PDB file of N, CA and C in Angstrom:
ATOM      1  N   MET A   1     131.670 112.584 103.979  1.00  0.00           N
ATOM      2  CA  MET A   1     130.860 113.722 104.323  1.00  0.00           C
ATOM      3  C   MET A   1     131.772 114.935 104.445  1.00  0.00           C
ATOM      4  N   LEU A   2     131.288 116.013 103.977  1.00  0.00           N
ATOM      5  CA  LEU A   2     132.033 117.265 104.037  1.00  0.00           C
ATOM      6  C   LEU A   2     131.262 118.240 104.911  1.00  0.00           C
ATOM      7  N   ARG A   3     131.917 118.757 105.897  1.00  0.00           N
ATOM      8  CA  ARG A   3     131.296 119.756 106.766  1.00  0.00           C
ATOM      9  C   ARG A   3     131.904 121.113 106.438  1.00  0.00           C
ATOM     10  N   ILE A   4     131.038 122.094 106.293  1.00  0.00           N
ATOM     11  CA  ILE A   4     131.488 123.456 105.970  1.00  0.00           C
ATOM     12  C   ILE A   4     130.914 124.402 107.013  1.00  0.00           C
ATOM     13  N   ALA A   5     131.764 125.262 107.499  1.00  0.00           N
ATOM     14  CA  ALA A   5     131.325 126.286 108.448  1.00  0.00           C
ATOM     15  C   ALA A   5     131.511 127.646 107.782  1.00  0.00           C
ATOM     16  N   PHE A   6     130.503 128.476 107.887  1.00  0.00           N
ATOM     17  CA  PHE A   6     130.555 129.815 107.302  1.00  0.00           C
ATOM     18  C   PHE A   6     130.672 130.851 108.407  1.00  0.00           C
ATOM     19  N   ASP A   7     131.529 131.803 108.200  1.00  0.00           N
ATOM     20  CA  ASP A   7     131.644 132.921 109.124  1.00  0.00           C
ATOM     21  C   ASP A   7     130.592 133.978 108.805  1.00  0.00           C
ATOM     22  N   ASP A   8     130.166 133.993 107.559  1.00  0.00           N
ATOM     23  CA  ASP A   8     129.211 134.999 107.086  1.00  0.00           C
ATOM     24  C   ASP A   8     127.874 134.316 106.786  1.00  0.00           C
ATOM     25  N   SER A   9     126.845 134.676 107.524  1.00  0.00           N
ATOM     26  CA  SER A   9     125.533 134.040 107.328  1.00  0.00           C
ATOM     27  C   SER A   9     124.956 134.336 105.947  1.00  0.00           C
ATOM     28  N   ASN A  10     125.288 135.488 105.363  1.00  0.00           N
ATOM     29  CA  ASN A  10     124.821 135.792 104.005  1.00  0.00           C
ATOM     30  C   ASN A  10     125.444 134.842 102.986  1.00  0.00           C
ATOM     31  N   GLU A  11     126.703 134.535 103.191  1.00  0.00           N
ATOM     32  CA  GLU A  11     127.390 133.603 102.297  1.00  0.00           C
ATOM     33  C   GLU A  11     126.765 132.203 102.422  1.00  0.00           C
ATOM     34  N   GLU A  12     126.476 131.806 103.633  1.00  0.00           N
ATOM     35  CA  GLU A  12     125.829 130.510 103.863  1.00  0.00           C
ATOM     36  C   GLU A  12     124.460 130.467 103.184  1.00  0.00           C
ATOM     37  N   ALA A  13     123.682 131.516 103.353  1.00  0.00           N
ATOM     38  CA  ALA A  13     122.356 131.577 102.733  1.00  0.00           C
ATOM     39  C   ALA A  13     122.465 131.515 101.212  1.00  0.00           C
ATOM     40  N   GLN A  14     123.484 132.140 100.663  1.00  0.00           N
ATOM     41  CA  GLN A  14     123.694 132.127  99.212  1.00  0.00           C
ATOM     42  C   GLN A  14     123.988 130.712  98.707  1.00  0.00           C
ATOM     43  N   VAL A  15     124.855 129.999  99.417  1.00  0.00           N
ATOM     44  CA  VAL A  15     125.198 128.624  99.032  1.00  0.00           C
ATOM     45  C   VAL A  15     123.962 127.730  99.119  1.00  0.00           C
ATOM     46  N   VAL A  16     123.213 127.834 100.201  1.00  0.00           N
ATOM     47  CA  VAL A  16     121.994 127.041 100.367  1.00  0.00           C
ATOM     48  C   VAL A  16     121.015 127.358  99.240  1.00  0.00           C
ATOM     49  N   SER A  17     120.856 128.621  98.942  1.00  0.00           N
ATOM     50  CA  SER A  17     119.946 129.048  97.880  1.00  0.00           C
ATOM     51  C   SER A  17     120.361 128.464  96.529  1.00  0.00           C
ATOM     52  N   GLU A  18     121.639 128.482  96.241  1.00  0.00           N
ATOM     53  CA  GLU A  18     122.137 127.935  94.974  1.00  0.00           C
ATOM     54  C   GLU A  18     121.909 126.421  94.883  1.00  0.00           C
ATOM     55  N   LEU A  19     122.138 125.733  95.989  1.00  0.00           N
ATOM     56  CA  LEU A  19     121.914 124.288  95.995  1.00  0.00           C
ATOM     57  C   LEU A  19     120.429 123.962  95.845  1.00  0.00           C
ATOM     58  N   GLN A  20     119.574 124.726  96.510  1.00  0.00           N
ATOM     59  CA  GLN A  20     118.132 124.521  96.366  1.00  0.00           C
ATOM     60  C   GLN A  20     117.678 124.796  94.931  1.00  0.00           C
ATOM     61  N   ALA A  21     118.212 125.825  94.319  1.00  0.00           N
ATOM     62  CA  ALA A  21     117.848 126.159  92.934  1.00  0.00           C
ATOM     63  C   ALA A  21     118.254 125.037  91.986  1.00  0.00           C
ATOM     64  N   ALA A  22     119.416 124.456  92.209  1.00  0.00           N
ATOM     65  CA  ALA A  22     119.870 123.353  91.362  1.00  0.00           C
ATOM     66  C   ALA A  22     118.946 122.148  91.496  1.00  0.00           C
ATOM     67  N   ARG A  23     118.532 121.831  92.716  1.00  0.00           N
ATOM     68  CA  ARG A  23     117.610 120.705  92.903  1.00  0.00           C
ATOM     69  C   ARG A  23     116.235 121.050  92.325  1.00  0.00           C
ATOM     70  N   ASP A  24     115.793 122.286  92.489  1.00  0.00           N
ATOM     71  CA  ASP A  24     114.512 122.687  91.911  1.00  0.00           C
ATOM     72  C   ASP A  24     114.508 122.510  90.397  1.00  0.00           C
ATOM     73  N   ASP A  25     115.633 122.805  89.766  1.00  0.00           N
ATOM     74  CA  ASP A  25     115.739 122.577  88.318  1.00  0.00           C
ATOM     75  C   ASP A  25     115.546 121.102  87.991  1.00  0.00           C
ATOM     76  N   GLU A  26     116.146 120.241  88.789  1.00  0.00           N
ATOM     77  CA  GLU A  26     116.005 118.794  88.559  1.00  0.00           C
ATOM     78  C   GLU A  26     114.575 118.334  88.816  1.00  0.00           C
ATOM     79  N   TYR A  27     113.996 118.812  89.909  1.00  0.00           N
ATOM     80  CA  TYR A  27     112.593 118.458  90.172  1.00  0.00           C
ATOM     81  C   TYR A  27     111.705 118.983  89.041  1.00  0.00           C
ATOM     82  N   GLY A  28     112.045 120.147  88.525  1.00  0.00           N
ATOM     83  CA  GLY A  28     111.291 120.720  87.409  1.00  0.00           C
ATOM     84  C   GLY A  28     111.324 119.831  86.179  1.00  0.00           C
ATOM     85  N   GLU A  29     112.459 119.173  85.931  1.00  0.00           N
ATOM     86  CA  GLU A  29     112.546 118.249  84.803  1.00  0.00           C
ATOM     87  C   GLU A  29     111.574 117.088  84.979  1.00  0.00           C
ATOM     88  N   VAL A  30     111.471 116.582  86.181  1.00  0.00           N
ATOM     89  CA  VAL A  30     110.497 115.514  86.457  1.00  0.00           C
ATOM     90  C   VAL A  30     109.095 116.045  86.190  1.00  0.00           C
ATOM     91  N   LEU A  31     108.799 117.209  86.721  1.00  0.00           N
ATOM     92  CA  LEU A  31     107.470 117.791  86.556  1.00  0.00           C
ATOM     93  C   LEU A  31     107.132 118.054  85.089  1.00  0.00           C
ATOM     94  N   GLU A  32     108.122 118.365  84.283  1.00  0.00           N
ATOM     95  CA  GLU A  32     107.883 118.587  82.856  1.00  0.00           C
ATOM     96  C   GLU A  32     107.485 117.306  82.135  1.00  0.00           C
ATOM     97  N   ARG A  33     107.935 116.166  82.640  1.00  0.00           N
ATOM     98  CA  ARG A  33     107.664 114.890  81.968  1.00  0.00           C
ATOM     99  C   ARG A  33     106.376 114.213  82.445  1.00  0.00           C
ATOM    100  N   VAL A  34     105.869 114.609  83.585  1.00  0.00           N
ATOM    101  CA  VAL A  34     104.653 113.998  84.127  1.00  0.00           C
ATOM    102  C   VAL A  34     103.452 114.147  83.182  1.00  0.00           C
ATOM    103  N   PRO A  35     103.212 115.317  82.605  1.00  0.00           N
ATOM    104  CA  PRO A  35     102.039 115.428  81.711  1.00  0.00           C
ATOM    105  C   PRO A  35     102.074 114.437  80.547  1.00  0.00           C
ATOM    106  N   ALA A  36     103.241 114.148  79.992  1.00  0.00           N
ATOM    107  CA  ALA A  36     103.334 113.191  78.889  1.00  0.00           C
ATOM    108  C   ALA A  36     102.937 111.791  79.362  1.00  0.00           C
ATOM    109  N   PHE A  37     103.334 111.432  80.569  1.00  0.00           N
ATOM    110  CA  PHE A  37     102.953 110.134  81.138  1.00  0.00           C
ATOM    111  C   PHE A  37     101.436 110.040  81.267  1.00  0.00           C
ATOM    112  N   LEU A  38     100.841 111.078  81.850  1.00  0.00           N
ATOM    113  CA  LEU A  38      99.388 111.085  82.037  1.00  0.00           C
ATOM    114  C   LEU A  38      98.650 111.124  80.704  1.00  0.00           C
ATOM    115  N   ASP A  39      99.174 111.889  79.748  1.00  0.00           N
ATOM    116  CA  ASP A  39      98.565 111.952  78.416  1.00  0.00           C
ATOM    117  C   ASP A  39      98.604 110.594  77.731  1.00  0.00           C
ATOM    118  N   GLU A  40      99.704 109.886  77.899  1.00  0.00           N
ATOM    119  CA  GLU A  40      99.831 108.554  77.293  1.00  0.00           C
ATOM    120  C   GLU A  40      98.771 107.606  77.835  1.00  0.00           C
ATOM    121  N   LEU A  41      98.563 107.610  79.140  1.00  0.00           N
ATOM    122  CA  LEU A  41      97.531 106.749  79.723  1.00  0.00           C
ATOM    123  C   LEU A  41      96.146 107.155  79.219  1.00  0.00           C
ATOM    124  N   ARG A  42      95.908 108.454  79.162  1.00  0.00           N
ATOM    125  CA  ARG A  42      94.618 108.946  78.669  1.00  0.00           C
ATOM    126  C   ARG A  42      94.404 108.521  77.215  1.00  0.00           C
ATOM    127  N   SER A  43      95.436 108.646  76.423  1.00  0.00           N
ATOM    128  CA  SER A  43      95.356 108.279  75.009  1.00  0.00           C
ATOM    129  C   SER A  43      95.084 106.783  74.839  1.00  0.00           C
ATOM    130  N   GLU A  44      95.775 105.967  75.594  1.00  0.00           N
ATOM    131  CA  GLU A  44      95.554 104.517  75.509  1.00  0.00           C
ATOM    132  C   GLU A  44      94.130 104.162  75.933  1.00  0.00           C
ATOM    133  N   ARG A  45      93.640 104.819  76.952  1.00  0.00           N
ATOM    134  CA  ARG A  45      92.268 104.584  77.410  1.00  0.00           C
ATOM    135  C   ARG A  45      91.279 105.023  76.330  1.00  0.00           C
ATOM    136  N   ASP A  46      91.500 106.186  75.742  1.00  0.00           N
ATOM    137  CA  ASP A  46      90.608 106.692  74.708  1.00  0.00           C
ATOM    138  C   ASP A  46      90.587 105.794  73.476  1.00  0.00           C
ATOM    139  N   ARG A  47      91.706 105.151  73.189  1.00  0.00           N
ATOM    140  CA  ARG A  47      91.779 104.242  72.035  1.00  0.00           C
ATOM    141  C   ARG A  47      91.377 102.820  72.417  1.00  0.00           C
ATOM    142  N   ASP A  48      90.840 102.670  73.624  1.00  0.00           N
ATOM    143  CA  ASP A  48      90.397 101.375  74.134  1.00  0.00           C
ATOM    144  C   ASP A  48      91.545 100.363  74.157  1.00  0.00           C
ATOM    145  N   ARG A  49      92.701 100.862  74.628  1.00  0.00           N
ATOM    146  CA  ARG A  49      93.886 100.010  74.686  1.00  0.00           C
ATOM    147  C   ARG A  49      94.381  99.860  76.119  1.00  0.00           C
ATOM    148  N   ALA A  50      93.464  99.775  77.063  1.00  0.00           N
ATOM    149  CA  ALA A  50      93.855  99.513  78.450  1.00  0.00           C
ATOM    150  C   ALA A  50      94.163  98.020  78.538  1.00  0.00           C
ATOM    151  N   THR A  51      95.423  97.678  78.297  1.00  0.00           N
ATOM    152  CA  THR A  51      95.845  96.282  78.276  1.00  0.00           C
ATOM    153  C   THR A  51      96.966  96.065  79.279  1.00  0.00           C
ATOM    154  N   TYR A  52      97.187  94.797  79.581  1.00  0.00           N
ATOM    155  CA  TYR A  52      98.250  94.460  80.511  1.00  0.00           C
ATOM    156  C   TYR A  52      99.613  94.905  79.970  1.00  0.00           C
ATOM    157  N   GLU A  53      99.808  94.801  78.667  1.00  0.00           N
ATOM    158  CA  GLU A  53     101.082  95.216  78.061  1.00  0.00           C
ATOM    159  C   GLU A  53     101.324  96.711  78.282  1.00  0.00           C
ATOM    160  N   GLU A  54     100.281  97.506  78.101  1.00  0.00           N
ATOM    161  CA  GLU A  54     100.402  98.952  78.330  1.00  0.00           C
ATOM    162  C   GLU A  54     100.680  99.243  79.798  1.00  0.00           C
ATOM    163  N   VAL A  55     100.067  98.477  80.688  1.00  0.00           N
ATOM    164  CA  VAL A  55     100.314  98.638  82.120  1.00  0.00           C
ATOM    165  C   VAL A  55     101.788  98.381  82.422  1.00  0.00           C
ATOM    166  N   GLU A  56     102.333  97.305  81.857  1.00  0.00           N
ATOM    167  CA  GLU A  56     103.736  96.983  82.110  1.00  0.00           C
ATOM    168  C   GLU A  56     104.662  98.101  81.647  1.00  0.00           C
ATOM    169  N   GLU A  57     104.408  98.646  80.464  1.00  0.00           N
ATOM    170  CA  GLU A  57     105.226  99.746  79.954  1.00  0.00           C
ATOM    171  C   GLU A  57     105.143 100.963  80.878  1.00  0.00           C
ATOM    172  N   SER A  58     103.931 101.276  81.312  1.00  0.00           N
ATOM    173  CA  SER A  58     103.736 102.444  82.169  1.00  0.00           C
ATOM    174  C   SER A  58     104.328 102.229  83.555  1.00  0.00           C
ATOM    175  N   GLU A  59     104.272 100.992  84.057  1.00  0.00           N
ATOM    176  CA  GLU A  59     104.896 100.698  85.349  1.00  0.00           C
ATOM    177  C   GLU A  59     106.400 100.934  85.271  1.00  0.00           C
ATOM    178  N   ALA A  60     107.005 100.561  84.162  1.00  0.00           N
ATOM    179  CA  ALA A  60     108.449 100.791  83.990  1.00  0.00           C
ATOM    180  C   ALA A  60     108.742 102.292  83.973  1.00  0.00           C
ATOM    181  N   ASP A  61     107.900 103.065  83.303  1.00  0.00           N
ATOM    182  CA  ASP A  61     108.071 104.522  83.283  1.00  0.00           C
ATOM    183  C   ASP A  61     107.932 105.106  84.685  1.00  0.00           C
ATOM    184  N   LEU A  62     106.941 104.636  85.433  1.00  0.00           N
ATOM    185  CA  LEU A  62     106.725 105.120  86.796  1.00  0.00           C
ATOM    186  C   LEU A  62     107.933 104.795  87.676  1.00  0.00           C
ATOM    187  N   GLU A  63     108.484 103.605  87.529  1.00  0.00           N
ATOM    188  CA  GLU A  63     109.661 103.244  88.314  1.00  0.00           C
ATOM    189  C   GLU A  63     110.855 104.130  87.957  1.00  0.00           C
ATOM    190  N   ARG A  64     110.963 104.517  86.687  1.00  0.00           N
ATOM    191  CA  ARG A  64     112.038 105.449  86.305  1.00  0.00           C
ATOM    192  C   ARG A  64     111.840 106.795  87.003  1.00  0.00           C
ATOM    193  N   PHE A  65     110.590 107.268  87.042  1.00  0.00           N
ATOM    194  CA  PHE A  65     110.307 108.521  87.761  1.00  0.00           C
ATOM    195  C   PHE A  65     110.731 108.403  89.217  1.00  0.00           C
ATOM    196  N   ARG A  66     110.335 107.314  89.850  1.00  0.00           N
ATOM    197  CA  ARG A  66     110.648 107.137  91.268  1.00  0.00           C
ATOM    198  C   ARG A  66     112.156 107.045  91.500  1.00  0.00           C
ATOM    199  N   GLY A  67     112.848 106.336  90.639  1.00  0.00           N
ATOM    200  CA  GLY A  67     114.305 106.244  90.760  1.00  0.00           C
ATOM    201  C   GLY A  67     114.968 107.596  90.562  1.00  0.00           C
ATOM    202  N   TRP A  68     114.463 108.340  89.605  1.00  0.00           N
ATOM    203  CA  TRP A  68     114.985 109.677  89.327  1.00  0.00           C
ATOM    204  C   TRP A  68     114.806 110.568  90.549  1.00  0.00           C
ATOM    205  N   LEU A  69     113.594 110.539  91.132  1.00  0.00           N
ATOM    206  CA  LEU A  69     113.342 111.335  92.338  1.00  0.00           C
ATOM    207  C   LEU A  69     114.273 110.926  93.478  1.00  0.00           C
ATOM    208  N   ALA A  70     114.475 109.644  93.632  1.00  0.00           N
ATOM    209  CA  ALA A  70     115.344 109.170  94.721  1.00  0.00           C
ATOM    210  C   ALA A  70     116.762 109.718  94.559  1.00  0.00           C
ATOM    211  N   LYS A  71     117.249 109.759  93.316  1.00  0.00           N
ATOM    212  CA  LYS A  71     118.589 110.305  93.075  1.00  0.00           C
ATOM    213  C   LYS A  71     118.644 111.799  93.396  1.00  0.00           C
ATOM    214  N   ILE A  72     117.609 112.510  93.002  1.00  0.00           N
ATOM    215  CA  ILE A  72     117.570 113.945  93.298  1.00  0.00           C
ATOM    216  C   ILE A  72     117.491 114.165  94.804  1.00  0.00           C
ATOM    217  N   ASP A  73     116.630 113.389  95.466  1.00  0.00           N
ATOM    218  CA  ASP A  73     116.462 113.510  96.916  1.00  0.00           C
ATOM    219  C   ASP A  73     117.784 113.339  97.658  1.00  0.00           C
ATOM    220  N   ARG A  74     118.624 112.420  97.183  1.00  0.00           N
ATOM    221  CA  ARG A  74     119.912 112.187  97.852  1.00  0.00           C
ATOM    222  C   ARG A  74     120.825 113.408  97.768  1.00  0.00           C
ATOM    223  N   ARG A  75     120.593 114.263  96.765  1.00  0.00           N
ATOM    224  CA  ARG A  75     121.400 115.485  96.621  1.00  0.00           C
ATOM    225  C   ARG A  75     120.691 116.710  97.194  1.00  0.00           C
ATOM    226  N   ASP A  76     119.456 116.530  97.630  1.00  0.00           N
ATOM    227  CA  ASP A  76     118.654 117.657  98.117  1.00  0.00           C
ATOM    228  C   ASP A  76     118.862 117.825  99.622  1.00  0.00           C
ATOM    229  N   TYR A  77     119.989 118.422  99.970  1.00  0.00           N
ATOM    230  CA  TYR A  77     120.377 118.550 101.378  1.00  0.00           C
ATOM    231  C   TYR A  77     119.559 119.577 102.145  1.00  0.00           C
ATOM    232  N   PHE A  78     118.936 120.506 101.442  1.00  0.00           N
ATOM    233  CA  PHE A  78     118.278 121.616 102.126  1.00  0.00           C
ATOM    234  C   PHE A  78     116.791 121.722 101.817  1.00  0.00           C
ATOM    235  N   GLY A  79     116.188 120.664 101.312  1.00  0.00           N
ATOM    236  CA  GLY A  79     114.744 120.662 101.070  1.00  0.00           C
ATOM    237  C   GLY A  79     114.299 121.707 100.060  1.00  0.00           C
ATOM    238  N   ALA A  80     114.656 121.489  98.805  1.00  0.00           N
ATOM    239  CA  ALA A  80     114.275 122.425  97.741  1.00  0.00           C
ATOM    240  C   ALA A  80     112.757 122.561  97.677  1.00  0.00           C
ATOM    241  N   PRO A  81     112.271 123.753  97.387  1.00  0.00           N
ATOM    242  CA  PRO A  81     110.839 124.006  97.393  1.00  0.00           C
ATOM    243  C   PRO A  81     110.004 123.100  96.474  1.00  0.00           C
ATOM    244  N   ARG A  82     110.532 122.684  95.331  1.00  0.00           N
ATOM    245  CA  ARG A  82     109.729 121.893  94.381  1.00  0.00           C
ATOM    246  C   ARG A  82     109.729 120.398  94.699  1.00  0.00           C
ATOM    247  N   ARG A  83     110.425 120.017  95.755  1.00  0.00           N
ATOM    248  CA  ARG A  83     110.494 118.599  96.136  1.00  0.00           C
ATOM    249  C   ARG A  83     109.104 118.031  96.385  1.00  0.00           C
ATOM    250  N   VAL A  84     108.329 118.694  97.193  1.00  0.00           N
ATOM    251  CA  VAL A  84     106.984 118.206  97.537  1.00  0.00           C
ATOM    252  C   VAL A  84     106.113 118.124  96.288  1.00  0.00           C
ATOM    253  N   GLU A  85     106.190 119.139  95.445  1.00  0.00           N
ATOM    254  CA  GLU A  85     105.400 119.169  94.211  1.00  0.00           C
ATOM    255  C   GLU A  85     105.771 118.003  93.287  1.00  0.00           C
ATOM    256  N   ALA A  86     107.064 117.731  93.150  1.00  0.00           N
ATOM    257  CA  ALA A  86     107.515 116.640  92.284  1.00  0.00           C
ATOM    258  C   ALA A  86     107.055 115.289  92.822  1.00  0.00           C
ATOM    259  N   HIS A  87     107.173 115.093  94.116  1.00  0.00           N
ATOM    260  CA  HIS A  87     106.721 113.831  94.708  1.00  0.00           C
ATOM    261  C   HIS A  87     105.206 113.666  94.556  1.00  0.00           C
ATOM    262  N   ALA A  88     104.473 114.735  94.753  1.00  0.00           N
ATOM    263  CA  ALA A  88     103.010 114.668  94.606  1.00  0.00           C
ATOM    264  C   ALA A  88     102.632 114.340  93.162  1.00  0.00           C
ATOM    265  N   ALA A  89     103.342 114.900  92.206  1.00  0.00           N
ATOM    266  CA  ALA A  89     103.046 114.641  90.793  1.00  0.00           C
ATOM    267  C   ALA A  89     103.301 113.181  90.442  1.00  0.00           C
ATOM    268  N   VAL A  90     104.393 112.625  90.944  1.00  0.00           N
ATOM    269  CA  VAL A  90     104.701 111.228  90.655  1.00  0.00           C
ATOM    270  C   VAL A  90     103.694 110.310  91.357  1.00  0.00           C
ATOM    271  N   GLU A  91     103.274 110.669  92.541  1.00  0.00           N
ATOM    272  CA  GLU A  91     102.251 109.861  93.212  1.00  0.00           C
ATOM    273  C   GLU A  91     100.910 109.951  92.483  1.00  0.00           C
ATOM    274  N   ARG A  92     100.630 111.101  91.884  1.00  0.00           N
ATOM    275  CA  ARG A  92      99.424 111.213  91.048  1.00  0.00           C
ATOM    276  C   ARG A  92      99.534 110.253  89.864  1.00  0.00           C
ATOM    277  N   CYS A  93     100.696 110.169  89.269  1.00  0.00           N
ATOM    278  CA  CYS A  93     100.921 109.214  88.182  1.00  0.00           C
ATOM    279  C   CYS A  93     100.619 107.793  88.657  1.00  0.00           C
ATOM    280  N   ALA A  94     101.069 107.469  89.863  1.00  0.00           N
ATOM    281  CA  ALA A  94     100.837 106.128  90.418  1.00  0.00           C
ATOM    282  C   ALA A  94      99.353 105.856  90.579  1.00  0.00           C
ATOM    283  N   ARG A  95      98.597 106.847  91.069  1.00  0.00           N
ATOM    284  CA  ARG A  95      97.144 106.660  91.246  1.00  0.00           C
ATOM    285  C   ARG A  95      96.442 106.485  89.897  1.00  0.00           C
ATOM    286  N   VAL A  96      96.818 107.291  88.918  1.00  0.00           N
ATOM    287  CA  VAL A  96      96.201 107.189  87.594  1.00  0.00           C
ATOM    288  C   VAL A  96      96.555 105.844  86.967  1.00  0.00           C
ATOM    289  N   LEU A  97      97.794 105.407  87.122  1.00  0.00           N
ATOM    290  CA  LEU A  97      98.197 104.106  86.595  1.00  0.00           C
ATOM    291  C   LEU A  97      97.445 102.985  87.287  1.00  0.00           C
ATOM    292  N   GLU A  98      97.224 103.131  88.568  1.00  0.00           N
ATOM    293  CA  GLU A  98      96.474 102.106  89.310  1.00  0.00           C
ATOM    294  C   GLU A  98      95.053 101.963  88.744  1.00  0.00           C
ATOM    295  N   ALA A  99      94.414 103.078  88.458  1.00  0.00           N
ATOM    296  CA  ALA A  99      93.068 103.033  87.865  1.00  0.00           C
ATOM    297  C   ALA A  99      93.129 102.416  86.466  1.00  0.00           C
ATOM    298  N   PHE A 100      94.142 102.787  85.685  1.00  0.00           N
ATOM    299  CA  PHE A 100      94.317 102.236  84.344  1.00  0.00           C
ATOM    300  C   PHE A 100      94.533 100.719  84.431  1.00  0.00           C
ATOM    301  N   GLU A 101      95.320 100.297  85.406  1.00  0.00           N
ATOM    302  CA  GLU A 101      95.590  98.878  85.600  1.00  0.00           C
ATOM    303  C   GLU A 101      94.299  98.124  85.940  1.00  0.00           C
ATOM    304  N   SER A 102      93.471  98.716  86.775  1.00  0.00           N
ATOM    305  CA  SER A 102      92.186  98.086  87.109  1.00  0.00           C
ATOM    306  C   SER A 102      91.334  97.906  85.858  1.00  0.00           C
ATOM    307  N   GLU A 103      91.325  98.925  84.999  1.00  0.00           N
ATOM    308  CA  GLU A 103      90.583  98.825  83.738  1.00  0.00           C
ATOM    309  C   GLU A 103      91.155  97.717  82.859  1.00  0.00           C
ATOM    310  N   ALA A 104      92.462  97.627  82.799  1.00  0.00           N
ATOM    311  CA  ALA A 104      93.101  96.607  81.966  1.00  0.00           C
ATOM    312  C   ALA A 104      92.770  95.212  82.469  1.00  0.00           C
ATOM    313  N   PHE A 105      92.832  95.013  83.776  1.00  0.00           N
ATOM    314  CA  PHE A 105      92.531  93.693  84.315  1.00  0.00           C
ATOM    315  C   PHE A 105      91.057  93.351  84.123  1.00  0.00           C
ATOM    316  N   ALA A 106      90.182  94.336  84.278  1.00  0.00           N
ATOM    317  CA  ALA A 106      88.755  94.093  84.048  1.00  0.00           C
ATOM    318  C   ALA A 106      88.529  93.728  82.586  1.00  0.00           C
ATOM    319  N   ARG A 107      89.212  94.409  81.697  1.00  0.00           N
ATOM    320  CA  ARG A 107      89.087  94.116  80.264  1.00  0.00           C
ATOM    321  C   ARG A 107      89.587  92.709  79.973  1.00  0.00           C
ATOM    322  N   ASP A 108      90.731  92.342  80.542  1.00  0.00           N
ATOM    323  CA  ASP A 108      91.285  91.008  80.315  1.00  0.00           C
ATOM    324  C   ASP A 108      90.384  89.916  80.874  1.00  0.00           C
ATOM    325  N   ALA A 109      89.620  90.247  81.900  1.00  0.00           N
ATOM    326  CA  ALA A 109      88.735  89.271  82.517  1.00  0.00           C
ATOM    327  C   ALA A 109      87.450  89.059  81.721  1.00  0.00           C
ATOM    328  N   GLN A 110      87.134  89.979  80.814  1.00  0.00           N
ATOM    329  CA  GLN A 110      85.929  89.847  79.998  1.00  0.00           C
ATOM    330  C   GLN A 110      86.087  88.698  79.015  1.00  0.00           C
ATOM    331  N   PRO A 111      84.980  87.992  78.734  1.00  0.00           N
ATOM    332  CA  PRO A 111      85.043  86.981  77.675  1.00  0.00           C
ATOM    333  C   PRO A 111      85.371  87.670  76.346  1.00  0.00           C
ATOM    334  N   ALA A 112      86.044  86.972  75.461  1.00  0.00           N
ATOM    335  CA  ALA A 112      86.481  87.539  74.186  1.00  0.00           C
ATOM    336  C   ALA A 112      85.326  88.128  73.390  1.00  0.00           C
ATOM    337  N   ALA A 113      84.154  87.553  73.469  1.00  0.00           N
ATOM    338  CA  ALA A 113      83.013  88.051  72.700  1.00  0.00           C
ATOM    339  C   ALA A 113      82.571  89.427  73.164  1.00  0.00           C
ATOM    340  N   ASP A 114      82.856  89.778  74.424  1.00  0.00           N
ATOM    341  CA  ASP A 114      82.442  91.072  74.968  1.00  0.00           C
ATOM    342  C   ASP A 114      83.452  92.183  74.684  1.00  0.00           C
ATOM    343  N   GLN A 115      84.651  91.822  74.242  1.00  0.00           N
ATOM    344  CA  GLN A 115      85.687  92.827  73.994  1.00  0.00           C
ATOM    345  C   GLN A 115      85.513  93.421  72.602  1.00  0.00           C
ATOM    346  N   PRO A 116      85.917  94.653  72.434  1.00  0.00           N
ATOM    347  CA  PRO A 116      85.813  95.267  71.109  1.00  0.00           C
ATOM    348  C   PRO A 116      86.605  94.466  70.077  1.00  0.00           C
ATOM    349  N   ALA A 117      86.069  94.379  68.902  1.00  0.00           N
ATOM    350  CA  ALA A 117      86.724  93.628  67.834  1.00  0.00           C
ATOM    351  C   ALA A 117      87.970  94.363  67.352  1.00  0.00           C
ATOM    352  N   LEU A 118      88.970  93.606  66.995  1.00  0.00           N
ATOM    353  CA  LEU A 118      90.173  94.193  66.418  1.00  0.00           C
ATOM    354  C   LEU A 118      89.906  94.448  64.942  1.00  0.00           C
ATOM    355  N   ARG A 119      90.328  95.594  64.469  1.00  0.00           N
ATOM    356  CA  ARG A 119      90.144  95.924  63.063  1.00  0.00           C
ATOM    357  C   ARG A 119      91.335  95.454  62.260  1.00  0.00           C
ATOM    358  N   ALA A 120      91.061  94.865  61.113  1.00  0.00           N
ATOM    359  CA  ALA A 120      92.129  94.430  60.228  1.00  0.00           C
ATOM    360  C   ALA A 120      92.780  95.648  59.592  1.00  0.00           C
ATOM    361  N   VAL A 121      94.077  95.605  59.489  1.00  0.00           N
ATOM    362  CA  VAL A 121      94.818  96.679  58.844  1.00  0.00           C
ATOM    363  C   VAL A 121      95.243  96.159  57.485  1.00  0.00           C
ATOM    364  N   PRO A 122      94.850  96.847  56.402  1.00  0.00           N
ATOM    365  CA  PRO A 122      95.211  96.358  55.069  1.00  0.00           C
ATOM    366  C   PRO A 122      96.715  96.337  54.871  1.00  0.00           C
ATOM    367  N   ASP A 123      97.167  95.311  54.190  1.00  0.00           N
ATOM    368  CA  ASP A 123      98.585  95.196  53.871  1.00  0.00           C
ATOM    369  C   ASP A 123      98.781  95.754  52.481  1.00  0.00           C
ATOM    370  N   ASN A 124      99.349  96.927  52.382  1.00  0.00           N
ATOM    371  CA  ASN A 124      99.504  97.634  51.106  1.00  0.00           C
ATOM    372  C   ASN A 124     100.879  97.426  50.513  1.00  0.00           C
ATOM    373  N   THR A 125     101.437  96.254  50.711  1.00  0.00           N
ATOM    374  CA  THR A 125     102.776  96.030  50.148  1.00  0.00           C
ATOM    375  C   THR A 125     102.722  95.475  48.766  1.00  0.00           C
TER     376      THR A 125
END
């Protein structure tokens, strides 16, 4: 641990501001990637592909988000302003994934005759 004492409160405020800005940039990167995660789930749902395999892939993505946030949080000594927003966005991803997972499990529980038919893809080789 490194302890720093400032004689000048303006200098201290400047350092804190710079550190917060750096963490905000990192939180911003997380926030930039959240829409793609949500779009992917929406797209899979629209294509009637709410499957357990898709859930597993999305769970891995969500865990990467959470791990990424945890790393940023460990460096966020002064509570950067975008911290709350980034955490809320990732938790929104978790809620949307939870609903998607429920759809996938309900789909898997349906008898095969009730599920949409798979379309054959022509082999043009």
